Amino acid sequence: MEIEDVYGEEKLNHSLHYRTDTFAPVYMENIGAGTFKVKYLPNMAQLSNLNEMLIRDFNDDGALDVLAIGNLYVSEIETPRNDAGTGVLLLGDGKGYFTAKRGSKIGFYAAKDVKRIM
């Protein structure tokens, strides 16, 4: 089944269209004066969509880290379920770059359709 079969060609021709230049996992660093710099995250941060992040210094090295959770079970008919995520810890180096750790390496497992970090 194609997307035209789901929505109809006429609706698609008059619908809102977005364009992107990358699907790489990134964050935007605010460097001031309304200027932002794109910083790339490790590919492991792209295994599934991310729904929530908790930002703290988890390894007590003085740099902020990110614990992220996600997945998406409810989606449009043409979009498959995102369910590869089990949580990821992004260890920051204090300069805006991160190393990804997950699963048994961090003792954290958050599978299924996770929406909130408690």
Protein backbone atom coordinates (compact mmCIF):
# COMPACT_ATOMS: atom_id res chain seq x y z
CA MET A 1 0.00 0.00 0.00
CA GLU A 2 1.30 3.45 -0.91
CA ILE A 3 0.61 6.74 0.86
CA GLU A 4 -1.59 7.82 -2.07
CA ASP A 5 -3.81 4.80 -1.35
CA VAL A 6 -4.30 5.94 2.24
CA TYR A 7 -4.95 9.66 1.76
CA GLY A 8 -5.77 10.02 -1.92
CA GLU A 9 -3.66 11.88 -4.46
CA GLU A 10 -5.85 15.03 -4.40
CA LYS A 11 -5.42 15.49 -0.61
CA LEU A 12 -1.69 14.93 -0.86
CA ASN A 13 -1.32 17.50 -3.64
CA HIS A 14 -2.91 20.17 -1.41
CA SER A 15 -1.38 19.16 1.92
CA LEU A 16 1.39 20.79 3.92
CA HIS A 17 4.84 19.46 2.99
CA TYR A 18 7.98 19.70 5.13
CA ARG A 19 11.54 19.16 4.00
CA THR A 20 14.63 18.22 5.95
CA ASP A 21 18.29 18.09 5.09
CA THR A 22 19.19 15.45 7.66
CA PHE A 23 17.73 12.79 9.89
CA ALA A 24 20.86 12.71 12.05
CA PRO A 25 20.26 13.07 15.79
CA VAL A 26 21.19 16.63 16.78
CA TYR A 27 20.63 19.28 19.38
CA MET A 28 20.81 23.03 18.93
CA GLU A 29 23.31 24.86 21.14
CA ASN A 30 22.27 28.43 21.95
CA ILE A 31 25.48 30.43 21.55
CA GLY A 32 23.74 33.77 22.21
CA ALA A 33 22.41 36.75 20.28
CA GLY A 34 19.74 34.58 18.61
CA THR A 35 22.37 32.27 17.11
CA PHE A 36 22.36 28.51 17.36
CA LYS A 37 24.90 25.85 16.45
CA VAL A 38 23.95 22.31 15.37
CA LYS A 39 25.69 19.63 17.43
CA TYR A 40 25.46 16.00 16.36
CA LEU A 41 24.51 13.31 18.87
CA PRO A 42 25.69 9.69 18.69
CA ASN A 43 23.70 7.52 16.28
CA MET A 44 22.51 5.41 19.22
CA ALA A 45 20.29 8.39 20.14
CA GLN A 46 18.34 7.72 16.94
CA LEU A 47 17.25 4.10 17.50
CA SER A 48 13.74 5.33 18.22
CA ASN A 49 12.07 8.65 18.86
CA LEU A 50 12.86 10.30 22.20
CA ASN A 51 9.93 11.44 24.35
CA GLU A 52 11.65 12.84 27.42
CA MET A 53 15.11 13.71 28.66
CA LEU A 54 16.51 14.15 32.12
CA ILE A 55 19.61 16.35 32.20
CA ARG A 56 22.02 15.92 35.12
CA ASP A 57 25.64 15.08 35.82
CA PHE A 58 25.08 11.33 36.19
CA ASN A 59 28.74 10.30 36.41
CA ASP A 60 29.93 13.19 38.65
CA ASP A 61 32.54 14.44 36.19
CA GLY A 62 31.31 18.06 36.21
CA ALA A 63 29.69 17.85 32.73
CA LEU A 64 25.97 17.57 32.07
CA ASP A 65 24.67 14.25 30.77
CA VAL A 66 21.31 13.27 29.24
CA LEU A 67 19.16 10.26 30.12
CA ALA A 68 16.64 9.86 27.29
CA ILE A 69 13.60 7.60 26.88
CA GLY A 70 11.18 7.05 24.08
CA ASN A 71 9.40 4.84 21.55
CA LEU A 72 6.10 5.54 19.86
CA TYR A 73 3.45 2.85 19.65
CA VAL A 74 0.57 5.07 18.49
CA SER A 75 1.25 6.54 15.07
CA GLU A 76 -0.42 7.26 11.75
CA ILE A 77 -1.46 4.32 9.63
CA GLU A 78 1.40 4.89 7.20
CA THR A 79 4.03 5.15 9.95
CA PRO A 80 5.31 1.95 11.56
CA ARG A 81 5.66 1.66 15.31
CA ASN A 82 8.95 2.95 16.78
CA ASP A 83 9.97 0.39 19.39
CA ALA A 84 13.73 -0.09 19.29
CA GLY A 85 14.51 2.19 22.23
CA THR A 86 15.33 0.96 25.72
CA GLY A 87 16.68 4.26 27.02
CA VAL A 88 20.02 5.84 26.35
CA LEU A 89 22.48 7.70 28.55
CA LEU A 90 24.44 10.38 26.72
CA LEU A 91 27.56 11.19 28.71
CA GLY A 92 28.64 14.77 28.07
CA ASP A 93 32.24 15.93 27.85
CA GLY A 94 31.47 19.52 28.88
CA LYS A 95 32.24 20.77 25.35
CA GLY A 96 28.92 19.84 23.76
CA TYR A 97 29.75 16.30 22.65
CA PHE A 98 28.30 13.06 23.97
CA THR A 99 29.12 9.35 24.19
CA ALA A 100 26.14 6.96 24.22
CA LYS A 101 25.69 4.14 26.73
CA ARG A 102 22.65 1.92 27.09
CA GLY A 103 21.21 -1.27 28.51
CA SER A 104 23.25 -3.42 30.85
CA LYS A 105 26.19 -0.99 30.61
CA ILE A 106 24.22 1.61 32.56
CA GLY A 107 21.75 -0.54 34.50
CA PHE A 108 18.75 1.16 32.89
CA TYR A 109 16.05 -0.45 30.77
CA ALA A 110 12.97 1.49 29.63
CA ALA A 111 11.27 -0.37 26.81
CA LYS A 112 7.69 -0.08 25.51
CA ASP A 113 5.92 3.22 24.90
CA VAL A 114 7.71 5.29 27.55
CA LYS A 115 6.61 8.90 28.00
CA ARG A 116 7.94 10.15 31.34
CA ILE A 117 11.00 9.82 33.53
CA MET A 118 9.94 9.74 37.16
